[in-house]
Amino acid sequence: GRLGGADGGAIVDKEQMVTGVTNRVSFDEAADMVGRCRACVSFAVDGRPRVEAAIVRYEQPRFVVGLDATASPPSVGAEVVLVVDEGVQFFDLRAVHARGPAGPVRGGPGDDLTWFEVEPTKVTCWDYGRLRVDRRDQEAEQR
């Protein structure tokens, strides 16, 4: 359909209207950041929030997280939120955000870090350099 025109306003084709913009990307499009970019994890220890800088590796289907040996790791089963990000300028900002329960590492890497794994229950990724019209919004309107 078309909007406007009767009162002298602009005529706009509804199919050309931007109904949503997204910066979301798939994990496959952001996975190159894991192990290369800055990372941190947050979790609770004794009911108090903790945030720690981390080294993160992805070993499908889990993230393996290393903390400084002096840091207290999350308890087994505790919910962990992991963020890996890069960029300073707006269109350079990219991130992987994952959450899931902590677990022991099977066959840990064997260095001086404290290691645990996160089996993700949810992963969200974004890349501001890839801002685009969210076609899903338009497809839903047409149904």
N, C-alpha and C. Protein backbone atom coordinates (compact mmCIF):
# COMPACT_ATOMS: atom_id res chain seq x y z
N GLY A 1 0.81 -1.19 0.00
CA GLY A 1 0.00 0.00 0.00
C GLY A 1 0.85 1.25 0.00
N ARG A 2 0.16 2.37 -0.17
CA ARG A 2 0.83 3.66 -0.21
C ARG A 2 0.27 4.54 0.89
N LEU A 3 1.10 5.41 1.43
CA LEU A 3 0.70 6.32 2.49
C LEU A 3 0.85 7.75 2.00
N GLY A 4 -0.07 8.63 2.45
CA GLY A 4 0.03 10.05 2.14
C GLY A 4 -0.55 10.39 0.79
N GLY A 5 -0.40 11.64 0.37
CA GLY A 5 -0.81 12.08 -0.95
C GLY A 5 -2.12 12.85 -0.98
N ALA A 6 -3.13 12.46 -0.24
CA ALA A 6 -4.45 13.09 -0.32
C ALA A 6 -4.43 14.54 0.15
N ASP A 7 -3.63 14.85 1.16
CA ASP A 7 -3.59 16.21 1.69
C ASP A 7 -2.34 16.97 1.24
N GLY A 8 -1.72 16.50 0.20
CA GLY A 8 -0.52 17.16 -0.32
C GLY A 8 0.77 16.63 0.30
N GLY A 9 0.66 15.67 1.22
CA GLY A 9 1.86 15.08 1.84
C GLY A 9 2.56 14.14 0.87
N ALA A 10 3.69 13.70 1.26
CA ALA A 10 4.50 12.80 0.43
C ALA A 10 3.82 11.45 0.27
N ILE A 11 4.00 10.85 -0.87
CA ILE A 11 3.52 9.51 -1.12
C ILE A 11 4.68 8.55 -0.85
N VAL A 12 4.44 7.62 0.06
CA VAL A 12 5.48 6.67 0.46
C VAL A 12 4.97 5.26 0.24
N ASP A 13 5.76 4.46 -0.38
CA ASP A 13 5.43 3.05 -0.56
C ASP A 13 5.73 2.35 0.76
N LYS A 14 4.70 1.71 1.36
CA LYS A 14 4.85 1.06 2.65
C LYS A 14 5.99 0.04 2.67
N GLU A 15 6.22 -0.66 1.59
CA GLU A 15 7.26 -1.68 1.55
C GLU A 15 8.66 -1.08 1.64
N GLN A 16 8.79 0.24 1.37
CA GLN A 16 10.09 0.89 1.43
C GLN A 16 10.35 1.55 2.79
N MET A 17 9.38 1.52 3.69
CA MET A 17 9.54 2.13 5.01
C MET A 17 10.49 1.29 5.86
N VAL A 18 11.34 1.96 6.62
CA VAL A 18 12.21 1.27 7.56
C VAL A 18 11.44 1.08 8.85
N THR A 19 11.22 -0.16 9.21
CA THR A 19 10.45 -0.45 10.42
C THR A 19 11.35 -0.84 11.57
N GLY A 20 12.59 -1.15 11.31
CA GLY A 20 13.52 -1.51 12.35
C GLY A 20 14.94 -1.57 11.80
N VAL A 21 15.88 -1.29 12.66
CA VAL A 21 17.29 -1.37 12.30
C VAL A 21 17.95 -2.28 13.32
N THR A 22 18.87 -3.10 12.87
CA THR A 22 19.54 -4.02 13.79
C THR A 22 21.05 -3.98 13.61
N ASN A 23 21.73 -4.32 14.67
CA ASN A 23 23.18 -4.48 14.63
C ASN A 23 23.55 -5.92 14.97
N ARG A 24 22.55 -6.77 15.12
CA ARG A 24 22.78 -8.17 15.50
C ARG A 24 23.44 -8.94 14.37
N VAL A 25 24.36 -9.83 14.75
CA VAL A 25 25.00 -10.73 13.80
C VAL A 25 25.02 -12.12 14.44
N SER A 26 25.27 -13.13 13.64
CA SER A 26 25.34 -14.49 14.17
C SER A 26 26.66 -14.68 14.90
N PHE A 27 26.71 -15.71 15.74
CA PHE A 27 27.97 -16.01 16.43
C PHE A 27 29.08 -16.32 15.42
N ASP A 28 28.74 -17.00 14.34
CA ASP A 28 29.74 -17.32 13.33
C ASP A 28 30.41 -16.06 12.78
N GLU A 29 29.64 -14.96 12.69
CA GLU A 29 30.18 -13.71 12.17
C GLU A 29 31.03 -12.95 13.20
N ALA A 30 30.91 -13.31 14.47
CA ALA A 30 31.65 -12.62 15.53
C ALA A 30 32.67 -13.51 16.22
N ALA A 31 32.70 -14.79 15.89
CA ALA A 31 33.55 -15.76 16.59
C ALA A 31 35.03 -15.43 16.50
N ASP A 32 35.45 -14.69 15.48
CA ASP A 32 36.88 -14.35 15.33
C ASP A 32 37.39 -13.51 16.50
N MET A 33 36.50 -12.88 17.25
CA MET A 33 36.90 -12.06 18.39
C MET A 33 37.31 -12.89 19.59
N VAL A 34 36.72 -14.06 19.76
CA VAL A 34 36.96 -14.89 20.94
C VAL A 34 38.41 -15.37 20.92
N GLY A 35 39.11 -15.11 22.00
CA GLY A 35 40.51 -15.48 22.10
C GLY A 35 41.46 -14.41 21.62
N ARG A 36 40.92 -13.39 20.95
CA ARG A 36 41.75 -12.31 20.40
C ARG A 36 41.48 -10.97 21.09
N CYS A 37 40.27 -10.74 21.54
CA CYS A 37 39.87 -9.43 22.07
C CYS A 37 39.71 -9.46 23.59
N ARG A 38 39.56 -8.27 24.15
CA ARG A 38 39.38 -8.17 25.60
C ARG A 38 38.10 -8.89 26.01
N ALA A 39 38.11 -9.43 27.22
CA ALA A 39 36.95 -10.18 27.71
C ALA A 39 36.83 -10.02 29.22
N CYS A 40 35.61 -10.17 29.70
CA CYS A 40 35.38 -10.19 31.13
C CYS A 40 34.19 -11.11 31.42
N VAL A 41 34.12 -11.55 32.65
CA VAL A 41 33.01 -12.38 33.10
C VAL A 41 32.44 -11.77 34.37
N SER A 42 31.15 -11.98 34.58
CA SER A 42 30.54 -11.57 35.83
C SER A 42 29.75 -12.75 36.38
N PHE A 43 29.73 -12.84 37.71
CA PHE A 43 29.04 -13.92 38.41
C PHE A 43 28.97 -13.53 39.88
N ALA A 44 28.29 -14.31 40.67
CA ALA A 44 28.18 -14.03 42.10
C ALA A 44 29.02 -15.03 42.88
N VAL A 45 29.71 -14.52 43.91
CA VAL A 45 30.45 -15.36 44.86
C VAL A 45 29.95 -14.97 46.25
N ASP A 46 29.41 -15.93 46.97
CA ASP A 46 28.85 -15.67 48.30
C ASP A 46 27.82 -14.54 48.27
N GLY A 47 27.02 -14.52 47.21
CA GLY A 47 25.95 -13.53 47.09
C GLY A 47 26.40 -12.14 46.69
N ARG A 48 27.67 -11.97 46.41
CA ARG A 48 28.18 -10.66 46.02
C ARG A 48 28.63 -10.70 44.57
N PRO A 49 28.37 -9.63 43.81
CA PRO A 49 28.76 -9.62 42.39
C PRO A 49 30.27 -9.54 42.22
N ARG A 50 30.77 -10.26 41.21
CA ARG A 50 32.18 -10.24 40.84
C ARG A 50 32.28 -9.98 39.35
N VAL A 51 33.25 -9.19 38.97
CA VAL A 51 33.58 -8.99 37.56
C VAL A 51 35.09 -9.18 37.45
N GLU A 52 35.48 -10.02 36.51
CA GLU A 52 36.90 -10.35 36.35
C GLU A 52 37.30 -10.27 34.89
N ALA A 53 38.48 -9.72 34.64
CA ALA A 53 39.06 -9.81 33.30
C ALA A 53 39.34 -11.28 33.03
N ALA A 54 39.23 -11.69 31.78
CA ALA A 54 39.35 -13.11 31.47
C ALA A 54 40.04 -13.35 30.13
N ILE A 55 40.56 -14.54 30.00
CA ILE A 55 41.00 -15.07 28.72
C ILE A 55 39.94 -16.08 28.31
N VAL A 56 39.47 -15.99 27.09
CA VAL A 56 38.37 -16.85 26.66
C VAL A 56 38.75 -17.59 25.39
N ARG A 57 38.41 -18.86 25.35
CA ARG A 57 38.56 -19.69 24.15
C ARG A 57 37.20 -20.31 23.86
N TYR A 58 36.95 -20.58 22.60
CA TYR A 58 35.70 -21.25 22.24
C TYR A 58 36.05 -22.65 21.77
N GLU A 59 35.51 -23.63 22.47
CA GLU A 59 35.65 -25.02 22.10
C GLU A 59 34.24 -25.58 22.00
N GLN A 60 33.72 -25.58 20.80
CA GLN A 60 32.31 -25.90 20.55
C GLN A 60 31.88 -27.10 21.37
N PRO A 61 30.79 -27.02 22.10
CA PRO A 61 29.81 -25.93 22.17
C PRO A 61 29.98 -25.06 23.40
N ARG A 62 31.17 -24.94 23.96
CA ARG A 62 31.35 -24.24 25.22
C ARG A 62 32.45 -23.19 25.11
N PHE A 63 32.42 -22.26 26.04
CA PHE A 63 33.49 -21.28 26.20
C PHE A 63 34.36 -21.75 27.36
N VAL A 64 35.66 -21.71 27.19
CA VAL A 64 36.59 -22.05 28.25
C VAL A 64 37.19 -20.72 28.72
N VAL A 65 37.10 -20.46 30.03
CA VAL A 65 37.45 -19.16 30.59
C VAL A 65 38.59 -19.31 31.58
N GLY A 66 39.60 -18.46 31.43
CA GLY A 66 40.73 -18.44 32.36
C GLY A 66 40.77 -17.13 33.12
N LEU A 67 40.89 -17.24 34.44
CA LEU A 67 41.01 -16.07 35.31
C LEU A 67 42.38 -16.08 35.96
N ASP A 68 42.82 -14.92 36.41
CA ASP A 68 44.04 -14.85 37.19
C ASP A 68 43.94 -15.85 38.33
N ALA A 69 45.04 -16.50 38.65
CA ALA A 69 45.03 -17.56 39.67
C ALA A 69 44.58 -17.07 41.04
N THR A 70 44.68 -15.77 41.30
CA THR A 70 44.25 -15.24 42.60
C THR A 70 42.76 -14.95 42.65
N ALA A 71 42.07 -15.02 41.52
CA ALA A 71 40.62 -14.73 41.47
C ALA A 71 39.82 -15.95 41.93
N SER A 72 38.71 -15.69 42.57
CA SER A 72 37.80 -16.77 42.97
C SER A 72 36.89 -17.11 41.80
N PRO A 73 36.93 -18.34 41.31
CA PRO A 73 36.06 -18.70 40.19
C PRO A 73 34.62 -18.89 40.66
N PRO A 74 33.68 -18.89 39.73
CA PRO A 74 32.28 -19.15 40.13
C PRO A 74 32.13 -20.60 40.56
N SER A 75 31.14 -20.85 41.39
CA SER A 75 30.87 -22.23 41.79
C SER A 75 30.24 -22.98 40.63
N VAL A 76 30.37 -24.30 40.64
CA VAL A 76 29.79 -25.13 39.59
C VAL A 76 28.28 -24.91 39.55
N GLY A 77 27.76 -24.62 38.37
CA GLY A 77 26.34 -24.38 38.18
C GLY A 77 25.92 -22.94 38.31
N ALA A 78 26.81 -22.07 38.82
CA ALA A 78 26.48 -20.65 38.96
C ALA A 78 26.32 -20.02 37.58
N GLU A 79 25.38 -19.08 37.45
CA GLU A 79 25.21 -18.39 36.16
C GLU A 79 26.36 -17.41 35.95
N VAL A 80 26.94 -17.46 34.76
CA VAL A 80 28.05 -16.60 34.38
C VAL A 80 27.63 -15.81 33.15
N VAL A 81 27.99 -14.53 33.12
CA VAL A 81 27.80 -13.71 31.94
C VAL A 81 29.18 -13.36 31.41
N LEU A 82 29.38 -13.61 30.15
CA LEU A 82 30.66 -13.43 29.48
C LEU A 82 30.49 -12.37 28.39
N VAL A 83 31.42 -11.42 28.34
CA VAL A 83 31.41 -10.40 27.29
C VAL A 83 32.79 -10.33 26.66
N VAL A 84 32.84 -10.47 25.35
CA VAL A 84 34.05 -10.28 24.57
C VAL A 84 33.75 -9.11 23.64
N ASP A 85 34.60 -8.08 23.65
CA ASP A 85 34.29 -6.94 22.80
C ASP A 85 35.54 -6.32 22.22
N GLU A 86 35.33 -5.55 21.16
CA GLU A 86 36.42 -4.78 20.55
C GLU A 86 35.85 -3.51 19.96
N GLY A 87 36.74 -2.58 19.72
CA GLY A 87 36.36 -1.32 19.08
C GLY A 87 36.29 -0.18 20.06
N VAL A 88 36.54 1.02 19.55
CA VAL A 88 36.44 2.23 20.35
C VAL A 88 35.46 3.18 19.68
N GLN A 89 35.59 3.37 18.38
CA GLN A 89 34.69 4.24 17.64
C GLN A 89 33.37 3.51 17.37
N PHE A 90 32.28 4.24 17.24
CA PHE A 90 30.93 3.67 17.13
C PHE A 90 30.84 2.53 16.12
N PHE A 91 31.26 2.75 14.89
CA PHE A 91 31.09 1.73 13.86
C PHE A 91 32.11 0.59 13.96
N ASP A 92 33.04 0.69 14.92
CA ASP A 92 34.00 -0.39 15.16
C ASP A 92 33.56 -1.31 16.29
N LEU A 93 32.51 -0.94 17.03
CA LEU A 93 32.08 -1.72 18.19
C LEU A 93 31.48 -3.05 17.78
N ARG A 94 32.02 -4.13 18.35
CA ARG A 94 31.53 -5.49 18.12
C ARG A 94 31.57 -6.21 19.45
N ALA A 95 30.70 -7.19 19.64
CA ALA A 95 30.72 -7.93 20.91
C ALA A 95 30.05 -9.28 20.78
N VAL A 96 30.45 -10.16 21.68
CA VAL A 96 29.80 -11.44 21.92
C VAL A 96 29.37 -11.40 23.38
N HIS A 97 28.11 -11.66 23.65
CA HIS A 97 27.56 -11.70 25.00
C HIS A 97 26.96 -13.08 25.18
N ALA A 98 27.45 -13.83 26.16
CA ALA A 98 26.95 -15.18 26.38
C ALA A 98 26.65 -15.36 27.86
N ARG A 99 25.67 -16.22 28.14
CA ARG A 99 25.38 -16.55 29.53
C ARG A 99 25.10 -18.03 29.64
N GLY A 100 25.42 -18.57 30.80
CA GLY A 100 25.17 -19.97 31.03
C GLY A 100 25.82 -20.42 32.33
N PRO A 101 25.62 -21.67 32.71
CA PRO A 101 26.18 -22.17 33.97
C PRO A 101 27.67 -22.47 33.86
N ALA A 102 28.36 -22.25 34.96
CA ALA A 102 29.79 -22.56 35.05
C ALA A 102 29.96 -24.05 35.32
N GLY A 103 31.03 -24.60 34.80
CA GLY A 103 31.35 -26.00 35.05
C GLY A 103 32.84 -26.20 35.08
N PRO A 104 33.27 -27.33 35.59
CA PRO A 104 34.72 -27.61 35.59
C PRO A 104 35.20 -27.86 34.17
N VAL A 105 36.44 -27.53 33.92
CA VAL A 105 37.03 -27.78 32.61
C VAL A 105 37.50 -29.23 32.57
N ARG A 106 37.08 -29.90 31.53
CA ARG A 106 37.55 -31.27 31.32
C ARG A 106 38.92 -31.19 30.65
N GLY A 107 39.96 -31.62 31.35
CA GLY A 107 41.30 -31.57 30.75
C GLY A 107 41.77 -30.15 30.57
N GLY A 108 41.87 -29.37 31.64
CA GLY A 108 42.25 -27.96 31.59
C GLY A 108 43.56 -27.68 30.87
N PRO A 109 43.75 -26.45 30.42
CA PRO A 109 44.92 -26.07 29.65
C PRO A 109 46.26 -26.21 30.38
N GLY A 110 46.25 -26.27 31.72
CA GLY A 110 47.47 -26.55 32.46
C GLY A 110 48.46 -25.41 32.59
N ASP A 111 48.01 -24.17 32.75
CA ASP A 111 48.94 -23.08 33.03
C ASP A 111 48.60 -22.48 34.39
N ASP A 112 49.06 -21.29 34.68
CA ASP A 112 48.86 -20.72 36.01
C ASP A 112 47.55 -19.94 36.15
N LEU A 113 46.60 -20.15 35.28
CA LEU A 113 45.29 -19.52 35.39
C LEU A 113 44.29 -20.48 36.04
N THR A 114 43.22 -19.92 36.58
CA THR A 114 42.11 -20.71 37.10
C THR A 114 41.10 -20.85 35.97
N TRP A 115 40.84 -22.08 35.54
CA TRP A 115 39.99 -22.32 34.37
C TRP A 115 38.64 -22.90 34.76
N PHE A 116 37.61 -22.51 34.02
CA PHE A 116 36.29 -23.11 34.11
C PHE A 116 35.64 -22.98 32.75
N GLU A 117 34.52 -23.64 32.56
CA GLU A 117 33.82 -23.53 31.27
C GLU A 117 32.44 -22.97 31.47
N VAL A 118 31.92 -22.38 30.40
CA VAL A 118 30.55 -21.88 30.38
C VAL A 118 29.85 -22.56 29.21
N GLU A 119 28.82 -23.31 29.52
CA GLU A 119 28.00 -23.95 28.49
C GLU A 119 26.87 -22.96 28.19
N PRO A 120 26.93 -22.23 27.08
CA PRO A 120 25.99 -21.12 26.86
C PRO A 120 24.54 -21.59 26.69
N THR A 121 23.66 -20.89 27.38
CA THR A 121 22.22 -21.08 27.18
C THR A 121 21.67 -19.98 26.28
N LYS A 122 22.43 -18.88 26.17
CA LYS A 122 22.04 -17.78 25.28
C LYS A 122 23.31 -17.07 24.82
N VAL A 123 23.37 -16.78 23.52
CA VAL A 123 24.48 -16.02 22.94
C VAL A 123 23.89 -14.93 22.06
N THR A 124 24.33 -13.70 22.27
CA THR A 124 23.90 -12.57 21.46
C THR A 124 25.15 -11.86 20.96
N CYS A 125 25.18 -11.51 19.68
CA CYS A 125 26.34 -10.83 19.11
C CYS A 125 25.89 -9.60 18.35
N TRP A 126 26.74 -8.58 18.34
CA TRP A 126 26.43 -7.39 17.57
C TRP A 126 27.67 -6.79 16.95
N ASP A 127 27.42 -6.00 15.91
CA ASP A 127 28.49 -5.35 15.16
C ASP A 127 27.90 -4.06 14.60
N TYR A 128 28.30 -2.92 15.18
CA TYR A 128 27.74 -1.64 14.74
C TYR A 128 28.18 -1.26 13.33
N GLY A 129 29.23 -1.86 12.84
CA GLY A 129 29.64 -1.63 11.46
C GLY A 129 28.72 -2.31 10.46
N ARG A 130 27.80 -3.13 10.96
CA ARG A 130 26.88 -3.86 10.09
C ARG A 130 25.43 -3.42 10.32
N LEU A 131 25.20 -2.19 10.79
CA LEU A 131 23.83 -1.69 10.95
C LEU A 131 23.07 -1.85 9.65
N ARG A 132 21.85 -2.33 9.72
CA ARG A 132 21.06 -2.56 8.51
C ARG A 132 19.59 -2.63 8.87
N VAL A 133 18.76 -2.54 7.86
CA VAL A 133 17.32 -2.69 8.05
C VAL A 133 17.05 -4.12 8.50
N ASP A 134 16.22 -4.25 9.52
CA ASP A 134 15.86 -5.58 10.03
C ASP A 134 14.70 -6.09 9.18
N ARG A 135 15.00 -6.91 8.22
CA ARG A 135 13.99 -7.43 7.28
C ARG A 135 12.94 -8.28 7.97
N ARG A 136 13.27 -8.87 9.13
CA ARG A 136 12.28 -9.69 9.83
C ARG A 136 11.06 -8.87 10.23
N ASP A 137 11.28 -7.58 10.63
CA ASP A 137 10.16 -6.72 10.99
C ASP A 137 9.23 -6.51 9.80
N GLN A 138 9.81 -6.27 8.62
CA GLN A 138 9.00 -6.04 7.43
C GLN A 138 8.27 -7.30 7.02
N GLU A 139 8.92 -8.46 7.11
CA GLU A 139 8.27 -9.71 6.73
C GLU A 139 7.10 -10.01 7.66
N ALA A 140 7.24 -9.71 8.95
CA ALA A 140 6.15 -9.96 9.90
C ALA A 140 4.94 -9.08 9.59
N GLU A 141 5.18 -7.81 9.18
CA GLU A 141 4.09 -6.90 8.85
C GLU A 141 3.31 -7.37 7.62
N GLN A 142 4.00 -8.01 6.69
CA GLN A 142 3.35 -8.43 5.44
C GLN A 142 2.51 -9.68 5.62
N ARG A 143 2.68 -10.39 6.72
CA ARG A 143 1.89 -11.61 6.94
C ARG A 143 0.53 -11.32 7.47
